[in-house]
Amino acid sequence: MFLDDGATTQTVGLEGSAPGLIIGNWVWHELIDFAPGTVVLVLASTSYFESEYLRNYDAFLGEVAPHNAN
């Protein structure tokens, strides 16, 4: 999994059947390099509304910059 908060990037490997990852607000994330037979389960604390999500990385960087200024 590729993670980027606008200031720091990291790649996190999720291997085996037990691990999970909690991703907070304002973190760009990409699910990458799946092994054959991989199953992904995504849980959220609120309902999904397409209009609330950024789909463009450059737009994300513009939006996240004020959050990293503190």
PDB file of N, CA and C in Angstrom:
ATOM      1  N   MET A   1       0.845  -1.151   0.000  1.00  0.00           N
ATOM      2  CA  MET A   1       0.000   0.000   0.000  1.00  0.00           C
ATOM      3  C   MET A   1       0.901   1.226   0.000  1.00  0.00           C
ATOM      4  N   PHE A   2       0.646   2.163  -0.916  1.00  0.00           N
ATOM      5  CA  PHE A   2       1.389   3.411  -0.998  1.00  0.00           C
ATOM      6  C   PHE A   2       0.606   4.483  -0.246  1.00  0.00           C
ATOM      7  N   LEU A   3       1.276   5.193   0.670  1.00  0.00           N
ATOM      8  CA  LEU A   3       0.645   6.230   1.484  1.00  0.00           C
ATOM      9  C   LEU A   3       1.410   7.538   1.337  1.00  0.00           C
ATOM     10  N   ASP A   4       0.682   8.646   1.289  1.00  0.00           N
ATOM     11  CA  ASP A   4       1.299   9.962   1.140  1.00  0.00           C
ATOM     12  C   ASP A   4       0.411  10.980   1.839  1.00  0.00           C
ATOM     13  N   ASP A   5       0.974  11.697   2.825  1.00  0.00           N
ATOM     14  CA  ASP A   5       0.194  12.720   3.526  1.00  0.00           C
ATOM     15  C   ASP A   5       0.515  14.128   3.026  1.00  0.00           C
ATOM     16  N   GLY A   6       1.209  14.211   1.896  1.00  0.00           N
ATOM     17  CA  GLY A   6       1.582  15.499   1.330  1.00  0.00           C
ATOM     18  C   GLY A   6       2.943  15.965   1.801  1.00  0.00           C
ATOM     19  N   ALA A   7       3.466  15.377   2.859  1.00  0.00           N
ATOM     20  CA  ALA A   7       4.786  15.720   3.379  1.00  0.00           C
ATOM     21  C   ALA A   7       5.704  14.499   3.395  1.00  0.00           C
ATOM     22  N   THR A   8       5.136  13.329   3.638  1.00  0.00           N
ATOM     23  CA  THR A   8       5.903  12.087   3.755  1.00  0.00           C
ATOM     24  C   THR A   8       5.209  10.990   2.971  1.00  0.00           C
ATOM     25  N   THR A   9       6.010  10.160   2.313  1.00  0.00           N
ATOM     26  CA  THR A   9       5.444   8.996   1.623  1.00  0.00           C
ATOM     27  C   THR A   9       6.037   7.731   2.223  1.00  0.00           C
ATOM     28  N   GLN A  10       5.279   6.671   2.140  1.00  0.00           N
ATOM     29  CA  GLN A  10       5.789   5.367   2.558  1.00  0.00           C
ATOM     30  C   GLN A  10       5.013   4.270   1.860  1.00  0.00           C
ATOM     31  N   THR A  11       5.649   3.122   1.743  1.00  0.00           N
ATOM     32  CA  THR A  11       4.996   1.937   1.220  1.00  0.00           C
ATOM     33  C   THR A  11       4.914   0.932   2.352  1.00  0.00           C
ATOM     34  N   VAL A  12       3.720   0.412   2.592  1.00  0.00           N
ATOM     35  CA  VAL A  12       3.475  -0.531   3.676  1.00  0.00           C
ATOM     36  C   VAL A  12       3.049  -1.849   3.059  1.00  0.00           C
ATOM     37  N   GLY A  13       3.737  -2.918   3.440  1.00  0.00           N
ATOM     38  CA  GLY A  13       3.367  -4.236   2.963  1.00  0.00           C
ATOM     39  C   GLY A  13       2.393  -4.903   3.917  1.00  0.00           C
ATOM     40  N   LEU A  14       1.338  -5.438   3.377  1.00  0.00           N
ATOM     41  CA  LEU A  14       0.371  -6.201   4.171  1.00  0.00           C
ATOM     42  C   LEU A  14       0.442  -7.637   3.682  1.00  0.00           C
ATOM     43  N   GLU A  15       1.038  -8.487   4.493  1.00  0.00           N
ATOM     44  CA  GLU A  15       1.261  -9.872   4.085  1.00  0.00           C
ATOM     45  C   GLU A  15       0.608 -10.821   5.077  1.00  0.00           C
ATOM     46  N   GLY A  16       0.206 -11.959   4.607  1.00  0.00           N
ATOM     47  CA  GLY A  16      -0.449 -12.927   5.469  1.00  0.00           C
ATOM     48  C   GLY A  16      -1.930 -12.649   5.563  1.00  0.00           C
ATOM     49  N   SER A  17      -2.597 -13.317   6.465  1.00  0.00           N
ATOM     50  CA  SER A  17      -4.051 -13.192   6.552  1.00  0.00           C
ATOM     51  C   SER A  17      -4.527 -12.282   7.674  1.00  0.00           C
ATOM     52  N   ALA A  18      -3.647 -11.837   8.555  1.00  0.00           N
ATOM     53  CA  ALA A  18      -4.090 -11.105   9.730  1.00  0.00           C
ATOM     54  C   ALA A  18      -3.974  -9.582   9.667  1.00  0.00           C
ATOM     55  N   PRO A  19      -2.993  -9.009   9.007  1.00  0.00           N
ATOM     56  CA  PRO A  19      -2.782  -7.568   9.168  1.00  0.00           C
ATOM     57  C   PRO A  19      -3.894  -6.711   8.584  1.00  0.00           C
ATOM     58  N   GLY A  20      -3.986  -5.523   9.133  1.00  0.00           N
ATOM     59  CA  GLY A  20      -4.896  -4.504   8.629  1.00  0.00           C
ATOM     60  C   GLY A  20      -4.212  -3.164   8.762  1.00  0.00           C
ATOM     61  N   LEU A  21      -4.819  -2.145   8.221  1.00  0.00           N
ATOM     62  CA  LEU A  21      -4.224  -0.818   8.251  1.00  0.00           C
ATOM     63  C   LEU A  21      -5.337   0.203   8.409  1.00  0.00           C
ATOM     64  N   ILE A  22      -5.186   1.093   9.372  1.00  0.00           N
ATOM     65  CA  ILE A  22      -6.132   2.192   9.545  1.00  0.00           C
ATOM     66  C   ILE A  22      -5.509   3.421   8.909  1.00  0.00           C
ATOM     67  N   ILE A  23      -6.236   4.042   7.995  1.00  0.00           N
ATOM     68  CA  ILE A  23      -5.744   5.224   7.289  1.00  0.00           C
ATOM     69  C   ILE A  23      -6.572   6.411   7.739  1.00  0.00           C
ATOM     70  N   GLY A  24      -5.901   7.445   8.233  1.00  0.00           N
ATOM     71  CA  GLY A  24      -6.583   8.636   8.714  1.00  0.00           C
ATOM     72  C   GLY A  24      -6.971   9.578   7.588  1.00  0.00           C
ATOM     73  N   ASN A  25      -7.451  10.746   7.972  1.00  0.00           N
ATOM     74  CA  ASN A  25      -7.837  11.780   7.013  1.00  0.00           C
ATOM     75  C   ASN A  25      -6.614  12.357   6.315  1.00  0.00           C
ATOM     76  N   TRP A  26      -6.825  12.858   5.123  1.00  0.00           N
ATOM     77  CA  TRP A  26      -5.811  13.550   4.345  1.00  0.00           C
ATOM     78  C   TRP A  26      -4.587  12.687   4.066  1.00  0.00           C
ATOM     79  N   VAL A  27      -4.822  11.428   3.742  1.00  0.00           N
ATOM     80  CA  VAL A  27      -3.743  10.532   3.324  1.00  0.00           C
ATOM     81  C   VAL A  27      -4.123   9.946   1.965  1.00  0.00           C
ATOM     82  N   TRP A  28      -3.319  10.273   0.956  1.00  0.00           N
ATOM     83  CA  TRP A  28      -3.502   9.683  -0.367  1.00  0.00           C
ATOM     84  C   TRP A  28      -3.046   8.231  -0.256  1.00  0.00           C
ATOM     85  N   HIS A  29      -3.830   7.301  -0.753  1.00  0.00           N
ATOM     86  CA  HIS A  29      -3.446   5.899  -0.658  1.00  0.00           C
ATOM     87  C   HIS A  29      -3.757   5.180  -1.965  1.00  0.00           C
ATOM     88  N   GLU A  30      -2.851   4.300  -2.314  1.00  0.00           N
ATOM     89  CA  GLU A  30      -3.004   3.477  -3.504  1.00  0.00           C
ATOM     90  C   GLU A  30      -2.728   2.040  -3.118  1.00  0.00           C
ATOM     91  N   LEU A  31      -3.599   1.151  -3.533  1.00  0.00           N
ATOM     92  CA  LEU A  31      -3.409  -0.275  -3.302  1.00  0.00           C
ATOM     93  C   LEU A  31      -2.642  -0.818  -4.494  1.00  0.00           C
ATOM     94  N   ILE A  32      -1.451  -1.361  -4.235  1.00  0.00           N
ATOM     95  CA  ILE A  32      -0.553  -1.754  -5.321  1.00  0.00           C
ATOM     96  C   ILE A  32      -0.026  -3.177  -5.105  1.00  0.00           C
ATOM     97  N   ASP A  33       0.449  -3.786  -6.181  1.00  0.00           N
ATOM     98  CA  ASP A  33       1.182  -5.056  -6.155  1.00  0.00           C
ATOM     99  C   ASP A  33       0.437  -6.181  -5.439  1.00  0.00           C
ATOM    100  N   PHE A  34      -0.757  -6.460  -5.871  1.00  0.00           N
ATOM    101  CA  PHE A  34      -1.541  -7.550  -5.286  1.00  0.00           C
ATOM    102  C   PHE A  34      -1.012  -8.901  -5.745  1.00  0.00           C
ATOM    103  N   ALA A  35      -0.988  -9.853  -4.829  1.00  0.00           N
ATOM    104  CA  ALA A  35      -0.693 -11.243  -5.176  1.00  0.00           C
ATOM    105  C   ALA A  35      -1.968 -11.886  -5.727  1.00  0.00           C
ATOM    106  N   PRO A  36      -1.815 -12.911  -6.556  1.00  0.00           N
ATOM    107  CA  PRO A  36      -3.007 -13.618  -7.044  1.00  0.00           C
ATOM    108  C   PRO A  36      -3.851 -14.126  -5.877  1.00  0.00           C
ATOM    109  N   GLY A  37      -5.147 -13.980  -5.989  1.00  0.00           N
ATOM    110  CA  GLY A  37      -6.054 -14.452  -4.958  1.00  0.00           C
ATOM    111  C   GLY A  37      -6.252 -13.493  -3.794  1.00  0.00           C
ATOM    112  N   THR A  38      -5.664 -12.323  -3.882  1.00  0.00           N
ATOM    113  CA  THR A  38      -5.796 -11.336  -2.802  1.00  0.00           C
ATOM    114  C   THR A  38      -7.243 -10.868  -2.687  1.00  0.00           C
ATOM    115  N   VAL A  39      -7.692 -10.699  -1.459  1.00  0.00           N
ATOM    116  CA  VAL A  39      -9.013 -10.160  -1.171  1.00  0.00           C
ATOM    117  C   VAL A  39      -8.826  -8.869  -0.387  1.00  0.00           C
ATOM    118  N   VAL A  40      -9.520  -7.813  -0.777  1.00  0.00           N
ATOM    119  CA  VAL A  40      -9.438  -6.530  -0.085  1.00  0.00           C
ATOM    120  C   VAL A  40     -10.792  -6.225   0.531  1.00  0.00           C
ATOM    121  N   LEU A  41     -10.777  -5.862   1.808  1.00  0.00           N
ATOM    122  CA  LEU A  41     -11.988  -5.464   2.515  1.00  0.00           C
ATOM    123  C   LEU A  41     -11.778  -4.048   3.018  1.00  0.00           C
ATOM    124  N   VAL A  42     -12.673  -3.153   2.672  1.00  0.00           N
ATOM    125  CA  VAL A  42     -12.583  -1.762   3.106  1.00  0.00           C
ATOM    126  C   VAL A  42     -13.779  -1.462   4.000  1.00  0.00           C
ATOM    127  N   LEU A  43     -13.506  -0.945   5.179  1.00  0.00           N
ATOM    128  CA  LEU A  43     -14.555  -0.540   6.115  1.00  0.00           C
ATOM    129  C   LEU A  43     -14.431   0.956   6.342  1.00  0.00           C
ATOM    130  N   ALA A  44     -15.545   1.627   6.487  1.00  0.00           N
ATOM    131  CA  ALA A  44     -15.540   3.070   6.695  1.00  0.00           C
ATOM    132  C   ALA A  44     -16.471   3.437   7.834  1.00  0.00           C
ATOM    133  N   SER A  45     -16.206   4.581   8.442  1.00  0.00           N
ATOM    134  CA  SER A  45     -17.029   5.014   9.572  1.00  0.00           C
ATOM    135  C   SER A  45     -18.225   5.854   9.140  1.00  0.00           C
ATOM    136  N   THR A  46     -18.275   6.219   7.858  1.00  0.00           N
ATOM    137  CA  THR A  46     -19.386   7.013   7.340  1.00  0.00           C
ATOM    138  C   THR A  46     -19.828   6.464   5.988  1.00  0.00           C
ATOM    139  N   SER A  47     -20.939   6.925   5.509  1.00  0.00           N
ATOM    140  CA  SER A  47     -21.421   6.526   4.187  1.00  0.00           C
ATOM    141  C   SER A  47     -20.514   7.097   3.102  1.00  0.00           C
ATOM    142  N   TYR A  48     -20.467   6.414   1.979  1.00  0.00           N
ATOM    143  CA  TYR A  48     -19.643   6.817   0.839  1.00  0.00           C
ATOM    144  C   TYR A  48     -20.402   7.814  -0.038  1.00  0.00           C
ATOM    145  N   PHE A  49     -19.762   8.946  -0.295  1.00  0.00           N
ATOM    146  CA  PHE A  49     -20.284   9.938  -1.233  1.00  0.00           C
ATOM    147  C   PHE A  49     -19.160  10.296  -2.192  1.00  0.00           C
ATOM    148  N   GLU A  50     -19.316   9.924  -3.457  1.00  0.00           N
ATOM    149  CA  GLU A  50     -18.282  10.140  -4.474  1.00  0.00           C
ATOM    150  C   GLU A  50     -17.767  11.571  -4.473  1.00  0.00           C
ATOM    151  N   SER A  51     -18.637  12.544  -4.279  1.00  0.00           N
ATOM    152  CA  SER A  51     -18.254  13.957  -4.355  1.00  0.00           C
ATOM    153  C   SER A  51     -17.284  14.374  -3.251  1.00  0.00           C
ATOM    154  N   GLU A  52     -17.131  13.558  -2.211  1.00  0.00           N
ATOM    155  CA  GLU A  52     -16.238  13.895  -1.104  1.00  0.00           C
ATOM    156  C   GLU A  52     -14.806  13.387  -1.304  1.00  0.00           C
ATOM    157  N   TYR A  53     -14.539  12.735  -2.427  1.00  0.00           N
ATOM    158  CA  TYR A  53     -13.233  12.121  -2.657  1.00  0.00           C
ATOM    159  C   TYR A  53     -12.481  12.812  -3.775  1.00  0.00           C
ATOM    160  N   LEU A  54     -11.187  12.973  -3.576  1.00  0.00           N
ATOM    161  CA  LEU A  54     -10.301  13.498  -4.610  1.00  0.00           C
ATOM    162  C   LEU A  54      -9.750  12.326  -5.404  1.00  0.00           C
ATOM    163  N   ARG A  55      -9.828  12.391  -6.720  1.00  0.00           N
ATOM    164  CA  ARG A  55      -9.352  11.312  -7.579  1.00  0.00           C
ATOM    165  C   ARG A  55      -8.089  11.705  -8.338  1.00  0.00           C
ATOM    166  N   ASN A  56      -7.636  12.943  -8.169  1.00  0.00           N
ATOM    167  CA  ASN A  56      -6.476  13.457  -8.876  1.00  0.00           C
ATOM    168  C   ASN A  56      -5.391  13.803  -7.855  1.00  0.00           C
ATOM    169  N   TYR A  57      -4.203  13.227  -8.032  1.00  0.00           N
ATOM    170  CA  TYR A  57      -3.119  13.400  -7.066  1.00  0.00           C
ATOM    171  C   TYR A  57      -2.695  14.867  -6.936  1.00  0.00           C
ATOM    172  N   ASP A  58      -2.601  15.583  -8.041  1.00  0.00           N
ATOM    173  CA  ASP A  58      -2.219  16.999  -7.980  1.00  0.00           C
ATOM    174  C   ASP A  58      -3.260  17.823  -7.225  1.00  0.00           C
ATOM    175  N   ALA A  59      -4.535  17.511  -7.415  1.00  0.00           N
ATOM    176  CA  ALA A  59      -5.588  18.196  -6.664  1.00  0.00           C
ATOM    177  C   ALA A  59      -5.454  17.884  -5.175  1.00  0.00           C
ATOM    178  N   PHE A  60      -5.124  16.631  -4.833  1.00  0.00           N
ATOM    179  CA  PHE A  60      -4.900  16.255  -3.435  1.00  0.00           C
ATOM    180  C   PHE A  60      -3.778  17.083  -2.832  1.00  0.00           C
ATOM    181  N   LEU A  61      -2.657  17.202  -3.551  1.00  0.00           N
ATOM    182  CA  LEU A  61      -1.525  17.969  -3.025  1.00  0.00           C
ATOM    183  C   LEU A  61      -1.913  19.419  -2.759  1.00  0.00           C
ATOM    184  N   GLY A  62      -2.736  20.005  -3.627  1.00  0.00           N
ATOM    185  CA  GLY A  62      -3.205  21.372  -3.408  1.00  0.00           C
ATOM    186  C   GLY A  62      -4.111  21.494  -2.197  1.00  0.00           C
ATOM    187  N   GLU A  63      -4.930  20.494  -1.973  1.00  0.00           N
ATOM    188  CA  GLU A  63      -5.863  20.512  -0.834  1.00  0.00           C
ATOM    189  C   GLU A  63      -5.174  20.203   0.493  1.00  0.00           C
ATOM    190  N   VAL A  64      -4.185  19.327   0.475  1.00  0.00           N
ATOM    191  CA  VAL A  64      -3.542  18.879   1.717  1.00  0.00           C
ATOM    192  C   VAL A  64      -2.510  19.883   2.217  1.00  0.00           C
ATOM    193  N   ALA A  65      -1.972  20.727   1.342  1.00  0.00           N
ATOM    194  CA  ALA A  65      -0.917  21.663   1.735  1.00  0.00           C
ATOM    195  C   ALA A  65      -1.296  22.519   2.948  1.00  0.00           C
ATOM    196  N   PRO A  66      -2.488  23.108   3.009  1.00  0.00           N
ATOM    197  CA  PRO A  66      -2.838  23.901   4.196  1.00  0.00           C
ATOM    198  C   PRO A  66      -2.885  23.069   5.480  1.00  0.00           C
ATOM    199  N   HIS A  67      -3.208  21.800   5.383  1.00  0.00           N
ATOM    200  CA  HIS A  67      -3.271  20.931   6.555  1.00  0.00           C
ATOM    201  C   HIS A  67      -1.876  20.601   7.084  1.00  0.00           C
ATOM    202  N   ASN A  68      -0.865  20.673   6.223  1.00  0.00           N
ATOM    203  CA  ASN A  68       0.515  20.379   6.621  1.00  0.00           C
ATOM    204  C   ASN A  68       1.262  21.632   7.033  1.00  0.00           C
ATOM    205  N   ALA A  69       0.670  22.803   6.875  1.00  0.00           N
ATOM    206  CA  ALA A  69       1.343  24.060   7.196  1.00  0.00           C
ATOM    207  C   ALA A  69       1.493  24.286   8.694  1.00  0.00           C
ATOM    208  N   ASN A  70       0.695  23.599   9.493  1.00  0.00           N
ATOM    209  CA  ASN A  70       0.727  23.803  10.958  1.00  0.00           C
ATOM    210  C   ASN A  70       1.916  23.199  11.578  1.00  0.00           C
TER     211      ASN A  70
END
